[in-house]
Protein backbone atom coordinates (compact mmCIF):
# COMPACT_ATOMS: atom_id res chain seq x y z
CA MET A 1 53.81 -9.87 22.44
CA ASN A 2 56.55 -7.19 22.55
CA ILE A 3 56.56 -4.04 24.67
CA ARG A 4 55.13 -1.87 21.84
CA GLN A 5 52.23 -4.29 21.29
CA THR A 6 51.58 -4.50 25.00
CA THR A 7 51.53 -0.72 25.34
CA ARG A 8 49.19 -0.37 22.35
CA GLN A 9 46.82 -2.97 23.84
CA LEU A 10 46.79 -1.20 27.22
CA LEU A 11 46.05 2.15 25.57
CA ARG A 12 43.23 0.57 23.56
CA THR A 13 41.75 -0.95 26.73
CA MET A 14 41.96 2.39 28.55
CA ILE A 15 40.32 4.27 25.66
CA LEU A 16 37.47 1.79 25.46
CA ALA A 17 36.98 1.98 29.22
CA VAL A 18 36.87 5.77 29.20
CA ALA A 19 34.51 5.76 26.23
CA GLY A 20 32.27 3.34 28.09
CA VAL A 21 32.20 5.55 31.17
CA LEU A 22 31.41 8.65 29.10
CA THR A 23 28.65 6.84 27.22
CA ALA A 24 27.13 5.56 30.44
CA ALA A 25 27.27 9.05 31.92
CA LEU A 26 25.58 10.56 28.89
CA VAL A 27 22.84 7.93 28.86
CA SER A 28 22.34 8.25 32.60
CA GLU A 29 22.11 12.05 32.30
CA SER A 30 19.43 11.78 29.62
CA GLY A 31 17.56 9.18 31.63
CA LEU A 32 17.42 6.83 28.64
CA ALA A 33 19.26 4.04 30.45
CA GLN A 34 16.53 3.75 33.06
CA ASN A 35 13.38 4.20 30.98
CA LYS A 36 12.40 0.62 30.18
CA GLY A 37 9.34 0.34 32.41
CA PRO A 38 5.91 1.98 32.49
CA TYR A 39 5.86 5.78 32.56
CA LEU A 40 9.48 6.04 31.39
CA GLY A 41 10.58 3.68 34.15
CA GLN A 42 10.13 6.41 36.74
CA ASP A 43 9.12 5.44 40.26
CA PRO A 44 5.43 6.29 40.80
CA PRO A 45 4.80 9.52 42.73
CA GLY A 46 3.00 9.84 46.03
CA MET A 47 0.87 12.73 47.20
CA THR A 48 3.61 15.27 46.51
CA PRO A 49 4.02 16.31 42.86
CA GLU A 50 7.24 15.26 41.13
CA LEU A 51 8.86 16.26 37.87
CA PHE A 52 7.87 13.83 35.12
CA GLY A 53 10.55 12.40 32.87
CA PRO A 54 13.39 14.76 33.85
CA GLY A 55 15.83 15.06 30.96
CA ILE A 56 13.44 13.20 28.65
CA VAL A 57 10.06 14.94 28.74
CA SER A 58 10.82 17.78 31.12
CA THR A 59 13.97 19.55 29.92
CA ASP A 60 15.35 23.07 29.69
CA ALA A 61 12.88 23.71 26.86
CA HIS A 62 9.24 24.74 27.36
CA GLU A 63 7.15 21.58 27.92
CA PHE A 64 3.43 21.52 28.59
CA SER A 65 0.16 19.70 27.84
CA ILE A 66 0.68 15.94 28.04
CA SER A 67 -1.52 13.11 26.73
CA MET A 68 -1.19 9.36 26.28
CA ASN A 69 -2.76 6.44 24.47
CA PRO A 70 -4.98 4.14 26.60
CA GLU A 71 -2.14 1.69 27.28
CA ALA A 72 0.26 4.50 28.27
CA THR A 73 2.80 3.12 25.81
CA GLU A 74 2.79 6.35 23.80
CA ILE A 75 3.36 9.71 25.48
CA TYR A 76 2.57 12.94 23.65
CA PHE A 77 3.45 16.42 24.87
CA SER A 78 4.05 19.96 23.62
CA ARG A 79 7.56 21.41 23.45
CA GLY A 80 8.52 24.98 22.57
CA GLU A 81 12.09 25.73 21.50
CA GLY A 82 14.20 28.40 19.92
CA PRO A 83 14.07 32.21 20.07
CA ASN A 84 10.42 32.20 18.93
CA ASN A 85 9.39 29.33 21.22
CA THR A 86 8.31 27.34 18.17
CA LYS A 87 6.00 24.56 19.35
CA LYS A 88 5.80 20.96 18.21
CA ILE A 89 3.97 17.89 19.49
CA MET A 90 6.56 15.38 20.65
CA VAL A 91 6.12 11.63 21.05
CA THR A 92 8.02 8.91 22.85
CA ARG A 93 7.00 5.25 22.52
CA LEU A 94 7.67 2.17 24.62
CA GLU A 95 9.44 -0.36 22.42
CA ARG A 96 11.30 -3.61 23.06
CA ASP A 97 14.51 -1.84 24.12
CA GLY A 98 12.77 0.88 26.13
CA TRP A 99 11.28 4.29 25.43
CA THR A 100 12.34 6.09 22.28
CA THR A 101 13.95 9.51 22.37
CA PRO A 102 11.15 12.12 22.04
CA ALA A 103 10.75 13.30 18.45
CA PRO A 104 8.29 15.57 16.61
CA LEU A 105 5.06 13.71 15.78
CA PHE A 106 4.26 15.82 12.70
CA PRO A 107 7.65 17.32 11.76
CA ASP A 108 6.48 18.81 8.46
CA PHE A 109 3.23 20.28 9.80
CA PRO A 110 2.82 23.94 10.87
CA GLU A 111 3.44 24.87 14.48
CA GLN A 112 1.20 22.70 16.66
CA PHE A 113 0.58 21.90 20.34
CA GLU A 114 -1.88 20.66 23.03
CA PRO A 115 -2.40 17.06 21.87
CA GLY A 116 -5.36 15.07 23.15
CA VAL A 117 -5.89 11.35 22.49
CA THR A 118 -9.44 10.00 22.59
CA PRO A 119 -10.21 7.27 25.17
CA ASP A 120 -10.30 4.59 22.47
CA GLY A 121 -6.90 5.68 21.17
CA GLN A 122 -8.18 6.10 17.61
CA HIS A 123 -8.03 9.89 17.27
CA LEU A 124 -5.62 12.65 18.23
CA GLN A 125 -6.86 16.23 18.35
CA PHE A 126 -4.64 19.29 18.63
CA ILE A 127 -4.25 23.03 18.02
CA ALA A 128 -2.24 24.42 15.10
CA PHE A 129 -1.75 27.71 13.31
CA HIS A 130 -4.00 27.97 10.26
CA VAL A 131 -4.11 30.65 7.59
CA THR A 132 -7.68 31.65 6.70
CA GLU A 133 -8.43 33.80 3.69
CA GLY A 134 -8.85 37.42 4.71
CA GLN A 135 -6.89 37.07 7.97
CA SER A 136 -3.83 39.23 8.45
CA ARG A 137 -2.13 36.51 10.46
CA PRO A 138 -2.69 32.79 11.16
CA GLY A 139 -5.36 31.80 13.65
CA LEU A 140 -5.34 28.90 16.08
CA ASP A 141 -7.56 26.16 14.73
CA MET A 142 -8.26 22.60 15.77
CA TYR A 143 -7.06 19.60 13.80
CA ARG A 144 -7.50 15.87 14.12
CA ALA A 145 -5.55 12.82 12.99
CA ASP A 146 -6.90 9.26 12.87
CA ARG A 147 -5.05 6.12 13.83
CA ASP A 148 -3.50 4.32 10.88
CA GLY A 149 -2.09 1.09 12.26
CA LYS A 150 0.76 1.95 14.60
CA ASN A 151 1.01 5.48 13.23
CA TRP A 152 -1.26 8.45 12.63
CA GLY A 153 -2.79 9.50 9.35
CA LYS A 154 -2.40 12.95 7.88
CA PRO A 155 -3.94 15.65 10.12
CA TYR A 156 -7.06 17.32 8.77
CA HIS A 157 -8.72 20.61 9.60
CA LEU A 158 -11.91 20.32 11.67
CA GLY A 159 -14.98 22.31 10.82
CA ALA A 160 -17.68 23.80 13.02
CA PRO A 161 -18.09 24.23 15.90
CA PHE A 162 -14.35 24.08 16.62
CA ASN A 163 -13.13 26.42 13.91
CA PRO A 164 -12.21 29.04 12.91
CA SER A 165 -10.15 29.99 15.98
CA HIS A 166 -12.93 29.04 18.37
CA SER A 167 -11.39 26.78 21.01
CA MET A 168 -8.21 25.71 22.70
CA TYR A 169 -7.46 22.41 24.35
CA CYS A 170 -9.87 19.48 24.45
CA SER A 171 -10.64 16.25 26.25
CA PHE A 172 -13.07 13.46 25.52
CA THR A 173 -15.66 11.11 27.00
CA ASN A 174 -16.24 7.52 26.00
CA ASP A 175 -19.23 8.50 23.84
CA GLY A 176 -17.18 11.05 21.87
CA THR A 177 -18.32 14.23 23.63
CA VAL A 178 -15.59 16.88 23.52
CA TYR A 179 -14.98 19.25 26.44
CA THR A 180 -13.20 22.47 25.47
CA THR A 181 -13.39 26.26 25.89
CA ASP A 182 -16.41 28.32 24.87
CA PRO A 183 -15.74 30.88 22.10
CA GLN A 184 -18.91 32.78 22.98
CA THR A 185 -17.23 33.93 26.20
CA GLY A 186 -13.83 34.56 24.65
CA GLY A 187 -12.60 31.08 25.53
CA LEU A 188 -12.91 31.81 29.26
CA ASP A 189 -15.66 29.28 30.03
CA ILE A 190 -15.89 25.50 29.80
CA ALA A 191 -18.25 24.05 27.19
CA ARG A 192 -18.88 20.73 25.53
CA THR A 193 -20.04 19.52 22.14
CA LYS A 194 -21.65 16.16 21.45
CA PRO A 195 -21.10 14.07 18.35
CA THR A 196 -23.85 14.00 15.72
CA LYS A 197 -24.40 12.07 12.53
CA ASP A 198 -22.64 14.78 10.53
CA GLY A 199 -19.95 15.87 13.00
CA PHE A 200 -20.52 17.76 16.23
CA GLY A 201 -23.39 19.78 17.62
CA PRO A 202 -23.28 23.35 18.95
CA TYR A 203 -21.37 24.19 22.09
CA GLU A 204 -23.17 23.77 25.41
CA ASN A 205 -21.85 26.12 28.10
CA LEU A 206 -21.61 24.19 31.38
CA GLY A 207 -22.78 27.17 33.41
CA LYS A 208 -22.51 27.28 37.19
CA PRO A 209 -20.94 26.02 39.37
CA ILE A 210 -18.19 25.19 36.83
CA ASN A 211 -18.09 28.59 35.13
CA THR A 212 -17.84 31.80 37.13
CA ASP A 213 -17.15 35.46 36.42
CA GLY A 214 -13.46 34.57 36.20
CA PRO A 215 -11.64 32.49 33.59
CA GLU A 216 -12.12 28.72 33.43
CA MET A 217 -9.95 26.89 30.91
CA TYR A 218 -8.18 23.65 29.99
CA PRO A 219 -10.86 21.10 30.91
CA PHE A 220 -10.01 17.44 31.40
CA VAL A 221 -13.07 15.24 31.72
CA ALA A 222 -13.08 11.64 32.90
CA PRO A 223 -13.98 9.28 30.05
CA ASP A 224 -17.11 8.24 31.99
CA GLU A 225 -17.81 11.91 32.85
CA SER A 226 -17.57 11.17 36.57
CA TYR A 227 -15.27 14.15 37.26
CA LEU A 228 -13.97 17.29 35.61
CA LEU A 229 -10.64 19.03 36.14
CA PHE A 230 -10.00 22.53 34.85
CA CYS A 231 -7.88 25.65 35.39
CA SER A 232 -9.09 28.73 37.21
CA MET A 233 -7.65 31.85 38.83
CA ILE A 234 -7.84 32.37 42.59
CA GLU A 235 -6.32 35.54 44.07
CA GLY A 236 -3.87 35.83 41.21
CA ARG A 237 -2.88 32.16 41.29
CA GLN A 238 -3.56 29.71 38.49
CA VAL A 239 -4.93 26.57 40.08
CA ILE A 240 -6.60 23.34 39.03
CA MET A 241 -10.13 22.76 40.26
CA ALA A 242 -11.98 19.44 40.60
CA SER A 243 -15.71 18.85 40.31
CA PHE A 244 -17.58 15.55 40.46
CA ARG A 245 -20.76 14.39 38.72
CA MET A 246 -23.53 13.96 41.30
CA GLU A 247 -26.38 11.46 41.30
CA ASP A 248 -28.82 14.00 39.87
CA GLY A 249 -26.47 14.72 36.95
CA THR A 250 -25.28 18.11 38.21
CA TRP A 251 -21.68 19.03 39.02
CA SER A 252 -20.44 19.42 42.58
CA GLN A 253 -19.03 22.72 43.80
CA PRO A 254 -15.44 22.80 42.45
CA LYS A 255 -12.57 22.52 44.92
CA GLU A 256 -8.93 23.42 44.44
CA VAL A 257 -6.55 20.50 44.03
CA PRO A 258 -3.83 21.13 46.67
CA LEU A 259 -0.72 20.93 44.51
CA GLY A 260 1.34 23.57 46.30
CA MET A 261 2.21 25.44 43.11
CA ASN A 262 0.65 27.30 40.21
CA ALA A 263 -0.63 24.65 37.82
CA GLY A 264 -2.45 24.17 34.55
CA VAL A 265 -3.37 21.83 31.69
CA PRO A 266 -4.51 18.74 33.63
CA PHE A 267 -4.44 15.16 32.36
CA VAL A 268 -5.16 11.81 34.03
CA SER A 269 -3.75 8.49 32.84
CA ARG A 270 -6.32 6.07 31.40
CA ASP A 271 -5.80 3.68 34.32
CA GLY A 272 -6.85 6.46 36.69
CA LYS A 273 -3.70 6.19 38.80
CA TYR A 274 -1.77 9.35 37.99
CA PHE A 275 -2.61 13.02 37.57
CA PHE A 276 -0.35 15.09 35.30
CA PHE A 277 -0.19 18.87 34.97
CA THR A 278 1.98 21.73 33.74
CA ALA A 279 3.73 24.03 36.20
CA GLY A 280 6.48 26.61 36.46
CA LYS A 281 7.11 29.93 34.80
CA MET A 282 8.08 29.70 31.14
CA PRO A 283 9.87 27.53 30.33
CA SER A 284 7.45 25.26 32.21
CA ASP A 285 7.67 21.52 32.87
CA ILE A 286 5.32 18.59 33.36
CA TYR A 287 4.66 17.11 36.80
CA TRP A 288 2.75 14.10 38.06
CA VAL A 289 1.19 13.02 41.36
CA ASP A 290 -0.98 10.20 42.68
CA PHE A 291 -4.60 10.66 41.55
CA GLU A 292 -5.67 10.12 45.16
CA ILE A 293 -5.00 13.84 45.65
CA VAL A 294 -8.03 14.47 43.44
CA ARG A 295 -10.15 11.56 44.63
CA LYS A 296 -10.00 12.82 48.22
CA LEU A 297 -11.91 15.94 47.13
CA LYS A 298 -14.99 13.99 46.11
CA PRO A 299 -18.03 14.89 48.25
CA THR A 300 -18.87 12.08 50.64
CA GLY A 301 -21.91 10.02 49.93
CA LYS A 302 -21.97 11.06 46.27
């Protein structure tokens, strides 16, 4: 090998080395090199909330409202981007080589957000803009998609009692009951609707002690209906409250979950280990914390 060949080989080696360093830096910055385990490979949080999926789920964009399939191998969340904060439901999946880069779940569907997966993983319900005849502008209606193998079928518009423009956000029990906001109070109370032979029954306002004179929104109910998390306002702060089902079937007096920050849109992983929520001024991010922070609020002896 002559001097020219040797020099060319050294330059090639140096270029490849630099390219490798740059690639590793880019992957490390995005977090994609480390996200091969459960929950994006992130170390589980303790009793202090931590940012979830920094650089992957929580970015410089506006992220909020997270949900997952029962196995926690599919993570869905809302992301708003651009000058109009256009919202899309994003999904990342755990595959053989790790978690996929988040991508729009329904890229060709109108602006949509606030995904909620049923406990059995067979349905995904969400909010989207919908044009109704006679309306001057689109309303916010509820849609649902059904599981079709590994993917989701085409979303379809839900009827009463959810639409038109009646509710925002939803969570589900094992028997199919849906907890959401009550349109009869301007969406500022928590209500539920139970499945019927033909769809869903009328809304049932939960009343006191869950609902007060102030706003109560974004309910997350345990699949077995043993607890309820929801957003409320206390002295100008948006907080998450926790109430537990008592032996007589009533709800316990709600208590604030001590998160140390304004918080909203609660979600709990199906295994009951981790509590997720949205926090921060827009653009917001998604945080998580050990569910023990909620469990400690349960009334003793109940």
